[in-house]
């Protein structure tokens, strides 16, 4: 099993236990896989504070991911809104240029008529 799948336990027995060459006294914390914990179940108990800490970390990670997703969505919506506004402004500018072009043509036509 990998290191990340280990859980924290407390030595509960009145005697010390030896694990991987290290001595653990009563009340010491020890990280064990489920298989190792099963073999030592008479001498250990699951560390409730560690379980609560892991649960809190998992909840915090969940909230962080949700906030990150919300921020990404907001940024995407803002970019879409900006692109839409830019396209609208470009369209208005083209329409204005077209109207100016037509107005210039009318003025030129009027000048041409006046000259005749």
PDB file of N, CA and C in Angstrom:
ATOM      1  N   UNK A   1       0.850  -1.186   0.000  1.00  0.00           N
ATOM      2  CA  UNK A   1       0.000   0.000   0.000  1.00  0.00           C
ATOM      3  C   UNK A   1       0.889   1.240   0.000  1.00  0.00           C
ATOM      4  N   UNK A   2       0.399   2.293  -0.544  1.00  0.00           N
ATOM      5  CA  UNK A   2       1.199   3.507  -0.609  1.00  0.00           C
ATOM      6  C   UNK A   2       1.127   4.278   0.698  1.00  0.00           C
ATOM      7  N   UNK A   3       2.049   5.218   0.818  1.00  0.00           N
ATOM      8  CA  UNK A   3       2.149   6.030   2.027  1.00  0.00           C
ATOM      9  C   UNK A   3       0.873   6.839   2.268  1.00  0.00           C
ATOM     10  N   UNK A   4       0.213   7.269   1.205  1.00  0.00           N
ATOM     11  CA  UNK A   4      -0.979   8.107   1.352  1.00  0.00           C
ATOM     12  C   UNK A   4      -2.180   7.346   1.892  1.00  0.00           C
ATOM     13  N   UNK A   5      -2.136   6.035   1.866  1.00  0.00           N
ATOM     14  CA  UNK A   5      -3.266   5.253   2.338  1.00  0.00           C
ATOM     15  C   UNK A   5      -3.111   4.843   3.795  1.00  0.00           C
ATOM     16  N   UNK A   6      -2.110   5.385   4.453  1.00  0.00           N
ATOM     17  CA  UNK A   6      -1.922   5.064   5.860  1.00  0.00           C
ATOM     18  C   UNK A   6      -2.816   5.952   6.711  1.00  0.00           C
ATOM     19  N   UNK A   7      -3.192   5.433   7.864  1.00  0.00           N
ATOM     20  CA  UNK A   7      -4.033   6.176   8.802  1.00  0.00           C
ATOM     21  C   UNK A   7      -3.280   6.298  10.113  1.00  0.00           C
ATOM     22  N   UNK A   8      -3.628   7.299  10.894  1.00  0.00           N
ATOM     23  CA  UNK A   8      -2.983   7.516  12.184  1.00  0.00           C
ATOM     24  C   UNK A   8      -3.690   6.712  13.263  1.00  0.00           C
ATOM     25  N   UNK A   9      -2.891   6.056  14.078  1.00  0.00           N
ATOM     26  CA  UNK A   9      -3.403   5.270  15.196  1.00  0.00           C
ATOM     27  C   UNK A   9      -2.644   5.676  16.451  1.00  0.00           C
ATOM     28  N   UNK A  10      -3.231   5.399  17.588  1.00  0.00           N
ATOM     29  CA  UNK A  10      -2.564   5.603  18.871  1.00  0.00           C
ATOM     30  C   UNK A  10      -2.283   4.241  19.487  1.00  0.00           C
ATOM     31  N   UNK A  11      -1.102   4.121  20.076  1.00  0.00           N
ATOM     32  CA  UNK A  11      -0.779   2.891  20.793  1.00  0.00           C
ATOM     33  C   UNK A  11      -1.591   2.901  22.074  1.00  0.00           C
ATOM     34  N   UNK A  12      -2.447   1.904  22.236  1.00  0.00           N
ATOM     35  CA  UNK A  12      -3.354   1.866  23.389  1.00  0.00           C
ATOM     36  C   UNK A  12      -2.907   0.853  24.443  1.00  0.00           C
ATOM     37  N   UNK A  13      -2.040  -0.032  24.062  1.00  0.00           N
ATOM     38  CA  UNK A  13      -1.632  -1.093  24.988  1.00  0.00           C
ATOM     39  C   UNK A  13      -0.714  -0.537  26.074  1.00  0.00           C
ATOM     40  N   UNK A  14      -0.695  -1.236  27.189  1.00  0.00           N
ATOM     41  CA  UNK A  14       0.175  -0.839  28.297  1.00  0.00           C
ATOM     42  C   UNK A  14       1.622  -1.220  28.018  1.00  0.00           C
ATOM     43  N   UNK A  15       1.844  -1.874  26.891  1.00  0.00           N
ATOM     44  CA  UNK A  15       3.198  -2.255  26.522  1.00  0.00           C
ATOM     45  C   UNK A  15       3.596  -1.517  25.251  1.00  0.00           C
ATOM     46  N   UNK A  16       4.878  -1.370  25.037  1.00  0.00           N
ATOM     47  CA  UNK A  16       5.370  -0.740  23.817  1.00  0.00           C
ATOM     48  C   UNK A  16       5.281  -1.740  22.671  1.00  0.00           C
ATOM     49  N   UNK A  17       5.142  -1.218  21.449  1.00  0.00           N
ATOM     50  CA  UNK A  17       5.180  -2.102  20.282  1.00  0.00           C
ATOM     51  C   UNK A  17       6.340  -1.673  19.402  1.00  0.00           C
ATOM     52  N   UNK A  18       6.889  -2.611  18.670  1.00  0.00           N
ATOM     53  CA  UNK A  18       7.998  -2.359  17.759  1.00  0.00           C
ATOM     54  C   UNK A  18       7.465  -2.497  16.341  1.00  0.00           C
ATOM     55  N   UNK A  19       7.625  -1.426  15.556  1.00  0.00           N
ATOM     56  CA  UNK A  19       7.125  -1.435  14.169  1.00  0.00           C
ATOM     57  C   UNK A  19       8.189  -0.827  13.284  1.00  0.00           C
ATOM     58  N   UNK A  20       8.605  -1.581  12.279  1.00  0.00           N
ATOM     59  CA  UNK A  20       9.647  -1.131  11.338  1.00  0.00           C
ATOM     60  C   UNK A  20      10.891  -0.628  12.068  1.00  0.00           C
ATOM     61  N   UNK A  21      11.260  -1.309  13.116  1.00  0.00           N
ATOM     62  CA  UNK A  21      12.481  -0.979  13.847  1.00  0.00           C
ATOM     63  C   UNK A  21      12.348   0.196  14.797  1.00  0.00           C
ATOM     64  N   UNK A  22      11.154   0.729  14.954  1.00  0.00           N
ATOM     65  CA  UNK A  22      10.948   1.863  15.851  1.00  0.00           C
ATOM     66  C   UNK A  22      10.027   1.450  16.990  1.00  0.00           C
ATOM     67  N   UNK A  23      10.359   1.913  18.177  1.00  0.00           N
ATOM     68  CA  UNK A  23       9.581   1.574  19.364  1.00  0.00           C
ATOM     69  C   UNK A  23       8.517   2.649  19.604  1.00  0.00           C
ATOM     70  N   UNK A  24       7.297   2.196  19.827  1.00  0.00           N
ATOM     71  CA  UNK A  24       6.177   3.099  20.093  1.00  0.00           C
ATOM     72  C   UNK A  24       5.620   2.772  21.473  1.00  0.00           C
ATOM     73  N   UNK A  25       5.605   3.782  22.327  1.00  0.00           N
ATOM     74  CA  UNK A  25       5.100   3.629  23.701  1.00  0.00           C
ATOM     75  C   UNK A  25       3.600   3.913  23.719  1.00  0.00           C
ATOM     76  N   UNK A  26       2.958   3.608  24.845  1.00  0.00           N
ATOM     77  CA  UNK A  26       1.536   3.869  24.998  1.00  0.00           C
ATOM     78  C   UNK A  26       1.270   5.362  24.780  1.00  0.00           C
ATOM     79  N   UNK A  27       0.272   5.696  23.941  1.00  0.00           N
ATOM     80  CA  UNK A  27      -0.092   7.079  23.651  1.00  0.00           C
ATOM     81  C   UNK A  27       0.635   7.668  22.448  1.00  0.00           C
ATOM     82  N   UNK A  28       1.657   6.973  21.924  1.00  0.00           N
ATOM     83  CA  UNK A  28       2.365   7.468  20.740  1.00  0.00           C
ATOM     84  C   UNK A  28       1.493   7.307  19.504  1.00  0.00           C
ATOM     85  N   UNK A  29       1.708   8.205  18.547  1.00  0.00           N
ATOM     86  CA  UNK A  29       1.000   8.095  17.270  1.00  0.00           C
ATOM     87  C   UNK A  29       1.838   7.238  16.334  1.00  0.00           C
ATOM     88  N   UNK A  30       1.132   6.417  15.547  1.00  0.00           N
ATOM     89  CA  UNK A  30       1.787   5.544  14.578  1.00  0.00           C
ATOM     90  C   UNK A  30       0.923   5.502  13.326  1.00  0.00           C
ATOM     91  N   UNK A  31       1.548   5.574  12.164  1.00  0.00           N
ATOM     92  CA  UNK A  31       0.812   5.508  10.911  1.00  0.00           C
ATOM     93  C   UNK A  31       0.926   4.102  10.352  1.00  0.00           C
ATOM     94  N   UNK A  32      -0.223   3.503  10.086  1.00  0.00           N
ATOM     95  CA  UNK A  32      -0.281   2.128   9.608  1.00  0.00           C
ATOM     96  C   UNK A  32      -1.258   2.006   8.454  1.00  0.00           C
ATOM     97  N   UNK A  33      -0.980   1.044   7.603  1.00  0.00           N
ATOM     98  CA  UNK A  33      -1.962   0.714   6.570  1.00  0.00           C
ATOM     99  C   UNK A  33      -3.068  -0.093   7.234  1.00  0.00           C
ATOM    100  N   UNK A  34      -4.143  -0.313   6.518  1.00  0.00           N
ATOM    101  CA  UNK A  34      -5.248  -1.102   7.077  1.00  0.00           C
ATOM    102  C   UNK A  34      -4.774  -2.515   7.438  1.00  0.00           C
ATOM    103  N   UNK A  35      -3.940  -3.082   6.591  1.00  0.00           N
ATOM    104  CA  UNK A  35      -3.428  -4.437   6.834  1.00  0.00           C
ATOM    105  C   UNK A  35      -2.555  -4.473   8.095  1.00  0.00           C
ATOM    106  N   UNK A  36      -1.674  -3.478   8.231  1.00  0.00           N
ATOM    107  CA  UNK A  36      -0.813  -3.418   9.418  1.00  0.00           C
ATOM    108  C   UNK A  36      -1.650  -3.193  10.673  1.00  0.00           C
ATOM    109  N   UNK A  37      -2.656  -2.343  10.561  1.00  0.00           N
ATOM    110  CA  UNK A  37      -3.520  -2.051  11.703  1.00  0.00           C
ATOM    111  C   UNK A  37      -4.284  -3.303  12.129  1.00  0.00           C
ATOM    112  N   UNK A  38      -4.711  -4.090  11.165  1.00  0.00           N
ATOM    113  CA  UNK A  38      -5.441  -5.314  11.486  1.00  0.00           C
ATOM    114  C   UNK A  38      -4.560  -6.278  12.295  1.00  0.00           C
ATOM    115  N   UNK A  39      -3.292  -6.353  11.925  1.00  0.00           N
ATOM    116  CA  UNK A  39      -2.362  -7.249  12.621  1.00  0.00           C
ATOM    117  C   UNK A  39      -2.079  -6.777  14.053  1.00  0.00           C
ATOM    118  N   UNK A  40      -2.163  -5.473  14.267  1.00  0.00           N
ATOM    119  CA  UNK A  40      -1.856  -4.900  15.583  1.00  0.00           C
ATOM    120  C   UNK A  40      -3.098  -4.401  16.311  1.00  0.00           C
ATOM    121  N   UNK A  41      -4.256  -4.865  15.916  1.00  0.00           N
ATOM    122  CA  UNK A  41      -5.519  -4.328  16.427  1.00  0.00           C
ATOM    123  C   UNK A  41      -5.680  -4.443  17.943  1.00  0.00           C
ATOM    124  N   UNK A  42      -5.006  -5.373  18.569  1.00  0.00           N
ATOM    125  CA  UNK A  42      -5.108  -5.500  20.022  1.00  0.00           C
ATOM    126  C   UNK A  42      -4.366  -4.387  20.756  1.00  0.00           C
ATOM    127  N   UNK A  43      -3.444  -3.732  20.072  1.00  0.00           N
ATOM    128  CA  UNK A  43      -2.555  -2.775  20.733  1.00  0.00           C
ATOM    129  C   UNK A  43      -2.788  -1.322  20.327  1.00  0.00           C
ATOM    130  N   UNK A  44      -3.650  -1.081  19.363  1.00  0.00           N
ATOM    131  CA  UNK A  44      -3.831   0.276  18.831  1.00  0.00           C
ATOM    132  C   UNK A  44      -5.305   0.641  18.731  1.00  0.00           C
ATOM    133  N   UNK A  45      -5.564   1.951  18.618  1.00  0.00           N
ATOM    134  CA  UNK A  45      -6.901   2.472  18.328  1.00  0.00           C
ATOM    135  C   UNK A  45      -6.743   3.590  17.304  1.00  0.00           C
ATOM    136  N   UNK A  46      -7.759   3.766  16.479  1.00  0.00           N
ATOM    137  CA  UNK A  46      -7.733   4.828  15.477  1.00  0.00           C
ATOM    138  C   UNK A  46      -7.683   6.179  16.172  1.00  0.00           C
ATOM    139  N   UNK A  47      -6.791   7.026  15.731  1.00  0.00           N
ATOM    140  CA  UNK A  47      -6.645   8.367  16.312  1.00  0.00           C
ATOM    141  C   UNK A  47      -7.776   9.244  15.790  1.00  0.00           C
ATOM    142  N   UNK A  48      -8.761   9.511  16.629  1.00  0.00           N
ATOM    143  CA  UNK A  48      -9.938  10.292  16.223  1.00  0.00           C
ATOM    144  C   UNK A  48      -9.563  11.695  15.779  1.00  0.00           C
ATOM    145  N   UNK A  49      -8.601  12.303  16.433  1.00  0.00           N
ATOM    146  CA  UNK A  49      -8.210  13.671  16.052  1.00  0.00           C
ATOM    147  C   UNK A  49      -7.596  13.670  14.657  1.00  0.00           C
ATOM    148  N   UNK A  50      -6.870  12.631  14.328  1.00  0.00           N
ATOM    149  CA  UNK A  50      -6.281  12.527  12.994  1.00  0.00           C
ATOM    150  C   UNK A  50      -7.374  12.318  11.953  1.00  0.00           C
ATOM    151  N   UNK A  51      -8.345  11.497  12.278  1.00  0.00           N
ATOM    152  CA  UNK A  51      -9.461  11.271  11.356  1.00  0.00           C
ATOM    153  C   UNK A  51     -10.229  12.574  11.126  1.00  0.00           C
ATOM    154  N   UNK A  52     -10.446  13.330  12.197  1.00  0.00           N
ATOM    155  CA  UNK A  52     -11.132  14.618  12.071  1.00  0.00           C
ATOM    156  C   UNK A  52     -10.306  15.591  11.235  1.00  0.00           C
ATOM    157  N   UNK A  53      -8.995  15.579  11.434  1.00  0.00           N
ATOM    158  CA  UNK A  53      -8.110  16.457  10.665  1.00  0.00           C
ATOM    159  C   UNK A  53      -8.167  16.099   9.180  1.00  0.00           C
ATOM    160  N   UNK A  54      -8.116  14.803   8.882  1.00  0.00           N
ATOM    161  CA  UNK A  54      -8.184  14.365   7.494  1.00  0.00           C
ATOM    162  C   UNK A  54      -9.530  14.731   6.875  1.00  0.00           C
ATOM    163  N   UNK A  55     -10.598  14.596   7.648  1.00  0.00           N
ATOM    164  CA  UNK A  55     -11.920  14.965   7.150  1.00  0.00           C
ATOM    165  C   UNK A  55     -11.988  16.473   6.898  1.00  0.00           C
ATOM    166  N   UNK A  56     -11.426  17.255   7.805  1.00  0.00           N
ATOM    167  CA  UNK A  56     -11.415  18.711   7.635  1.00  0.00           C
ATOM    168  C   UNK A  56     -10.591  19.101   6.409  1.00  0.00           C
ATOM    169  N   UNK A  57      -9.469  18.421   6.203  1.00  0.00           N
ATOM    170  CA  UNK A  57      -8.650  18.700   5.022  1.00  0.00           C
ATOM    171  C   UNK A  57      -9.401  18.362   3.743  1.00  0.00           C
ATOM    172  N   UNK A  58     -10.107  17.245   3.760  1.00  0.00           N
ATOM    173  CA  UNK A  58     -10.883  16.846   2.587  1.00  0.00           C
ATOM    174  C   UNK A  58     -11.985  17.867   2.298  1.00  0.00           C
ATOM    175  N   UNK A  59     -12.640  18.343   3.352  1.00  0.00           N
ATOM    176  CA  UNK A  59     -13.697  19.350   3.187  1.00  0.00           C
ATOM    177  C   UNK A  59     -13.110  20.665   2.674  1.00  0.00           C
ATOM    178  N   UNK A  60     -11.965  21.047   3.209  1.00  0.00           N
ATOM    179  CA  UNK A  60     -11.314  22.276   2.759  1.00  0.00           C
ATOM    180  C   UNK A  60     -10.898  22.168   1.295  1.00  0.00           C
ATOM    181  N   UNK A  61     -10.404  21.016   0.901  1.00  0.00           N
ATOM    182  CA  UNK A  61     -10.027  20.797  -0.498  1.00  0.00           C
ATOM    183  C   UNK A  61     -11.256  20.868  -1.399  1.00  0.00           C
ATOM    184  N   UNK A  62     -12.360  20.297  -0.937  1.00  0.00           N
ATOM    185  CA  UNK A  62     -13.612  20.336  -1.696  1.00  0.00           C
ATOM    186  C   UNK A  62     -14.075  21.785  -1.880  1.00  0.00           C
ATOM    187  N   UNK A  63     -14.002  22.572  -0.802  1.00  0.00           N
ATOM    188  CA  UNK A  63     -14.402  23.980  -0.878  1.00  0.00           C
ATOM    189  C   UNK A  63     -13.459  24.768  -1.780  1.00  0.00           C
ATOM    190  N   UNK A  64     -12.158  24.454  -1.708  1.00  0.00           N
ATOM    191  CA  UNK A  64     -11.185  25.147  -2.555  1.00  0.00           C
ATOM    192  C   UNK A  64     -11.470  24.868  -4.025  1.00  0.00           C
ATOM    193  N   UNK A  65     -11.755  23.612  -4.342  1.00  0.00           N
ATOM    194  CA  UNK A  65     -12.064  23.254  -5.725  1.00  0.00           C
ATOM    195  C   UNK A  65     -13.344  23.933  -6.208  1.00  0.00           C
ATOM    196  N   UNK A  66     -14.346  24.003  -5.340  1.00  0.00           N
ATOM    197  CA  UNK A  66     -15.597  24.669  -5.704  1.00  0.00           C
ATOM    198  C   UNK A  66     -15.371  26.158  -5.945  1.00  0.00           C
ATOM    199  N   UNK A  67     -14.563  26.784  -5.085  1.00  0.00           N
ATOM    200  CA  UNK A  67     -14.260  28.210  -5.254  1.00  0.00           C
ATOM    201  C   UNK A  67     -13.453  28.444  -6.525  1.00  0.00           C
ATOM    202  N   UNK A  68     -12.523  27.548  -6.803  1.00  0.00           N
ATOM    203  CA  UNK A  68     -11.714  27.659  -8.018  1.00  0.00           C
ATOM    204  C   UNK A  68     -12.589  27.525  -9.256  1.00  0.00           C
ATOM    205  N   UNK A  69     -13.520  26.586  -9.212  1.00  0.00           N
ATOM    206  CA  UNK A  69     -14.438  26.381 -10.330  1.00  0.00           C
ATOM    207  C   UNK A  69     -15.335  27.603 -10.525  1.00  0.00           C
ATOM    208  N   UNK A  70     -15.822  28.166  -9.427  1.00  0.00           N
ATOM    209  CA  UNK A  70     -16.674  29.354  -9.505  1.00  0.00           C
ATOM    210  C   UNK A  70     -15.898  30.541 -10.071  1.00  0.00           C
ATOM    211  N   UNK A  71     -14.647  30.697  -9.641  1.00  0.00           N
ATOM    212  CA  UNK A  71     -13.823  31.798 -10.140  1.00  0.00           C
ATOM    213  C   UNK A  71     -13.535  31.618 -11.627  1.00  0.00           C
ATOM    214  N   UNK A  72     -13.276  30.386 -12.031  1.00  0.00           N
ATOM    215  CA  UNK A  72     -13.027  30.107 -13.445  1.00  0.00           C
ATOM    216  C   UNK A  72     -14.265  30.408 -14.277  1.00  0.00           C
ATOM    217  N   UNK A  73     -15.436  30.020 -13.759  1.00  0.00           N
ATOM    218  CA  UNK A  73     -16.689  30.277 -14.471  1.00  0.00           C
ATOM    219  C   UNK A  73     -16.944  31.787 -14.580  1.00  0.00           C
ATOM    220  N   UNK A  74     -16.696  32.505 -13.491  1.00  0.00           N
ATOM    221  CA  UNK A  74     -16.896  33.956 -13.502  1.00  0.00           C
ATOM    222  C   UNK A  74     -15.950  34.623 -14.492  1.00  0.00           C
ATOM    223  N   UNK A  75     -14.705  34.152 -14.533  1.00  0.00           N
ATOM    224  CA  UNK A  75     -13.734  34.719 -15.470  1.00  0.00           C
ATOM    225  C   UNK A  75     -14.147  34.445 -16.912  1.00  0.00           C
ATOM    226  N   UNK A  76     -14.653  33.240 -17.158  1.00  0.00           N
ATOM    227  CA  UNK A  76     -15.108  32.886 -18.496  1.00  0.00           C
ATOM    228  C   UNK A  76     -16.303  33.744 -18.895  1.00  0.00           C
ATOM    229  N   UNK A  77     -17.249  33.935 -17.972  1.00  0.00           N
ATOM    230  CA  UNK A  77     -18.416  34.771 -18.269  1.00  0.00           C
ATOM    231  C   UNK A  77     -18.008  36.215 -18.534  1.00  0.00           C
ATOM    232  N   UNK A  78     -17.046  36.716 -17.751  1.00  0.00           N
ATOM    233  CA  UNK A  78     -16.568  38.080 -17.954  1.00  0.00           C
ATOM    234  C   UNK A  78     -15.895  38.214 -19.317  1.00  0.00           C
ATOM    235  N   UNK A  79     -15.112  37.202 -19.704  1.00  0.00           N
ATOM    236  CA  UNK A  79     -14.440  37.236 -21.005  1.00  0.00           C
ATOM    237  C   UNK A  79     -15.463  37.205 -22.141  1.00  0.00           C
ATOM    238  N   UNK A  80     -16.499  36.375 -21.969  1.00  0.00           N
ATOM    239  CA  UNK A  80     -17.553  36.313 -22.990  1.00  0.00           C
ATOM    240  C   UNK A  80     -18.295  37.647 -23.087  1.00  0.00           C
ATOM    241  N   UNK A  81     -18.573  38.252 -21.932  1.00  0.00           N
ATOM    242  CA  UNK A  81     -19.274  39.536 -21.910  1.00  0.00           C
ATOM    243  C   UNK A  81     -18.422  40.615 -22.578  1.00  0.00           C
ATOM    244  N   UNK A  82     -17.127  40.597 -22.284  1.00  0.00           N
ATOM    245  CA  UNK A  82     -16.215  41.573 -22.886  1.00  0.00           C
ATOM    246  C   UNK A  82     -16.129  41.379 -24.396  1.00  0.00           C
ATOM    247  N   UNK A  83     -16.058  40.118 -24.835  1.00  0.00           N
ATOM    248  CA  UNK A  83     -16.000  39.836 -26.271  1.00  0.00           C
ATOM    249  C   UNK A  83     -17.278  40.292 -26.966  1.00  0.00           C
ATOM    250  N   UNK A  84     -18.409  40.063 -26.295  1.00  0.00           N
ATOM    251  CA  UNK A  84     -19.694  40.484 -26.867  1.00  0.00           C
ATOM    252  C   UNK A  84     -19.753  42.009 -26.972  1.00  0.00           C
ATOM    253  N   UNK A  85     -19.311  42.689 -25.908  1.00  0.00           N
ATOM    254  CA  UNK A  85     -19.317  44.157 -25.924  1.00  0.00           C
ATOM    255  C   UNK A  85     -18.378  44.693 -27.010  1.00  0.00           C
ATOM    256  N   UNK A  86     -17.231  44.045 -27.170  1.00  0.00           N
ATOM    257  CA  UNK A  86     -16.269  44.468 -28.192  1.00  0.00           C
ATOM    258  C   UNK A  86     -16.867  44.274 -29.582  1.00  0.00           C
ATOM    259  N   UNK A  87     -17.530  43.137 -29.796  1.00  0.00           N
ATOM    260  CA  UNK A  87     -18.156  42.869 -31.088  1.00  0.00           C
ATOM    261  C   UNK A  87     -19.269  43.880 -31.367  1.00  0.00           C
ATOM    262  N   UNK A  88     -20.034  44.208 -30.333  1.00  0.00           N
ATOM    263  CA  UNK A  88     -21.117  45.195 -30.473  1.00  0.00           C
ATOM    264  C   UNK A  88     -20.540  46.569 -30.826  1.00  0.00           C
ATOM    265  N   UNK A  89     -19.473  46.949 -30.150  1.00  0.00           N
ATOM    266  CA  UNK A  89     -18.839  48.244 -30.422  1.00  0.00           C
ATOM    267  C   UNK A  89     -18.284  48.277 -31.849  1.00  0.00           C
ATOM    268  N   UNK A  90     -17.687  47.168 -32.282  1.00  0.00           N
ATOM    269  CA  UNK A  90     -17.156  47.081 -33.644  1.00  0.00           C
ATOM    270  C   UNK A  90     -18.274  47.210 -34.668  1.00  0.00           C
ATOM    271  N   UNK A  91     -19.397  46.554 -34.389  1.00  0.00           N
ATOM    272  CA  UNK A  91     -20.542  46.616 -35.291  1.00  0.00           C
ATOM    273  C   UNK A  91     -21.072  48.053 -35.386  1.00  0.00           C
ATOM    274  N   UNK A  92     -21.173  48.728 -34.229  1.00  0.00           N
ATOM    275  CA  UNK A  92     -21.645  50.118 -34.224  1.00  0.00           C
ATOM    276  C   UNK A  92     -20.676  51.018 -34.976  1.00  0.00           C
ATOM    277  N   UNK A  93     -19.385  50.774 -34.806  1.00  0.00           N
ATOM    278  CA  UNK A  93     -18.384  51.583 -35.506  1.00  0.00           C
ATOM    279  C   UNK A  93     -18.488  51.388 -37.018  1.00  0.00           C
ATOM    280  N   UNK A  94     -18.713  50.141 -37.438  1.00  0.00           N
ATOM    281  CA  UNK A  94     -18.859  49.868 -38.871  1.00  0.00           C
ATOM    282  C   UNK A  94     -20.118  50.529 -39.425  1.00  0.00           C
ATOM    283  N   UNK A  95     -21.204  50.472 -38.654  1.00  0.00           N
ATOM    284  CA  UNK A  95     -22.445  51.116 -39.089  1.00  0.00           C
ATOM    285  C   UNK A  95     -22.265  52.628 -39.192  1.00  0.00           C
ATOM    286  N   UNK A  96     -21.582  53.202 -38.215  1.00  0.00           N
ATOM    287  CA  UNK A  96     -21.337  54.644 -38.236  1.00  0.00           C
ATOM    288  C   UNK A  96     -20.471  55.011 -39.434  1.00  0.00           C
ATOM    289  N   UNK A  97     -19.455  54.198 -39.708  1.00  0.00           N
ATOM    290  CA  UNK A  97     -18.582  54.462 -40.859  1.00  0.00           C
ATOM    291  C   UNK A  97     -19.365  54.351 -42.159  1.00  0.00           C
ATOM    292  N   UNK A  98     -20.245  53.383 -42.214  1.00  0.00           N
ATOM    293  CA  UNK A  98     -21.074  53.202 -43.409  1.00  0.00           C
ATOM    294  C   UNK A  98     -21.986  54.407 -43.604  1.00  0.00           C
ATOM    295  N   UNK A  99     -22.595  54.889 -42.507  1.00  0.00           N
ATOM    296  CA  UNK A  99     -23.478  56.065 -42.595  1.00  0.00           C
ATOM    297  C   UNK A  99     -22.687  57.292 -43.015  1.00  0.00           C
ATOM    298  N   UNK A 100     -21.462  57.430 -42.447  1.00  0.00           N
ATOM    299  CA  UNK A 100     -20.615  58.567 -42.838  1.00  0.00           C
ATOM    300  C   UNK A 100     -20.270  58.481 -44.315  1.00  0.00           C
ATOM    301  N   UNK A 101     -20.003  57.263 -44.772  1.00  0.00           N
ATOM    302  CA  UNK A 101     -19.690  57.060 -46.187  1.00  0.00           C
ATOM    303  C   UNK A 101     -20.863  57.456 -47.068  1.00  0.00           C
ATOM    304  N   UNK A 102     -22.069  57.088 -46.656  1.00  0.00           N
ATOM    305  CA  UNK A 102     -23.267  57.454 -47.418  1.00  0.00           C
ATOM    306  C   UNK A 102     -23.488  58.958 -47.347  1.00  0.00           C
ATOM    307  N   UNK A 103     -23.291  59.537 -46.169  1.00  0.00           N
ATOM    308  CA  UNK A 103     -23.478  60.980 -46.018  1.00  0.00           C
ATOM    309  C   UNK A 103     -22.465  61.729 -46.868  1.00  0.00           C
ATOM    310  N   UNK A 104     -21.225  61.241 -46.872  1.00  0.00           N
ATOM    311  CA  UNK A 104     -20.196  61.871 -47.703  1.00  0.00           C
ATOM    312  C   UNK A 104     -20.564  61.785 -49.174  1.00  0.00           C
ATOM    313  N   UNK A 105     -21.152  60.676 -49.576  1.00  0.00           N
ATOM    314  CA  UNK A 105     -21.553  60.501 -50.971  1.00  0.00           C
ATOM    315  C   UNK A 105     -22.674  61.481 -51.317  1.00  0.00           C
ATOM    316  N   UNK A 106     -23.634  61.651 -50.403  1.00  0.00           N
ATOM    317  CA  UNK A 106     -24.734  62.599 -50.639  1.00  0.00           C
ATOM    318  C   UNK A 106     -24.175  64.015 -50.761  1.00  0.00           C
ATOM    319  N   UNK A 107     -23.257  64.358 -49.869  1.00  0.00           N
ATOM    320  CA  UNK A 107     -22.648  65.692 -49.924  1.00  0.00           C
ATOM    321  C   UNK A 107     -21.917  65.873 -51.237  1.00  0.00           C
ATOM    322  N   UNK A 108     -21.170  64.855 -51.645  1.00  0.00           N
ATOM    323  CA  UNK A 108     -20.438  64.939 -52.913  1.00  0.00           C
ATOM    324  C   UNK A 108     -21.408  65.066 -54.080  1.00  0.00           C
ATOM    325  N   UNK A 109     -22.507  64.309 -54.033  1.00  0.00           N
ATOM    326  CA  UNK A 109     -23.501  64.391 -55.106  1.00  0.00           C
ATOM    327  C   UNK A 109     -24.118  65.780 -55.148  1.00  0.00           C
ATOM    328  N   UNK A 110     -24.401  66.367 -53.986  1.00  0.00           N
ATOM    329  CA  UNK A 110     -24.955  67.712 -53.927  1.00  0.00           C
ATOM    330  C   UNK A 110     -23.963  68.736 -54.491  1.00  0.00           C
ATOM    331  N   UNK A 111     -22.676  68.552 -54.184  1.00  0.00           N
ATOM    332  CA  UNK A 111     -21.651  69.440 -54.732  1.00  0.00           C
ATOM    333  C   UNK A 111     -21.605  69.330 -56.254  1.00  0.00           C
ATOM    334  N   UNK A 112     -21.690  68.073 -56.712  1.00  0.00           N
ATOM    335  CA  UNK A 112     -21.653  67.849 -58.146  1.00  0.00           C
ATOM    336  C   UNK A 112     -22.850  68.512 -58.833  1.00  0.00           C
ATOM    337  N   UNK A 113     -24.031  68.449 -58.212  1.00  0.00           N
ATOM    338  CA  UNK A 113     -25.228  69.050 -58.762  1.00  0.00           C
ATOM    339  C   UNK A 113     -25.088  70.578 -58.756  1.00  0.00           C
ATOM    340  N   UNK A 114     -24.532  71.127 -57.677  1.00  0.00           N
ATOM    341  CA  UNK A 114     -24.368  72.558 -57.592  1.00  0.00           C
ATOM    342  C   UNK A 114     -23.389  73.070 -58.640  1.00  0.00           C
ATOM    343  N   UNK A 115     -22.412  72.277 -58.929  1.00  0.00           N
ATOM    344  CA  UNK A 115     -21.404  72.689 -59.921  1.00  0.00           C
ATOM    345  C   UNK A 115     -21.960  72.671 -61.333  1.00  0.00           C
ATOM    346  N   UNK A 116     -22.974  71.898 -61.560  1.00  0.00           N
ATOM    347  CA  UNK A 116     -23.519  71.788 -62.920  1.00  0.00           C
ATOM    348  C   UNK A 116     -24.369  72.921 -63.240  1.00  0.00           C
TER     349      UNK A 116
END
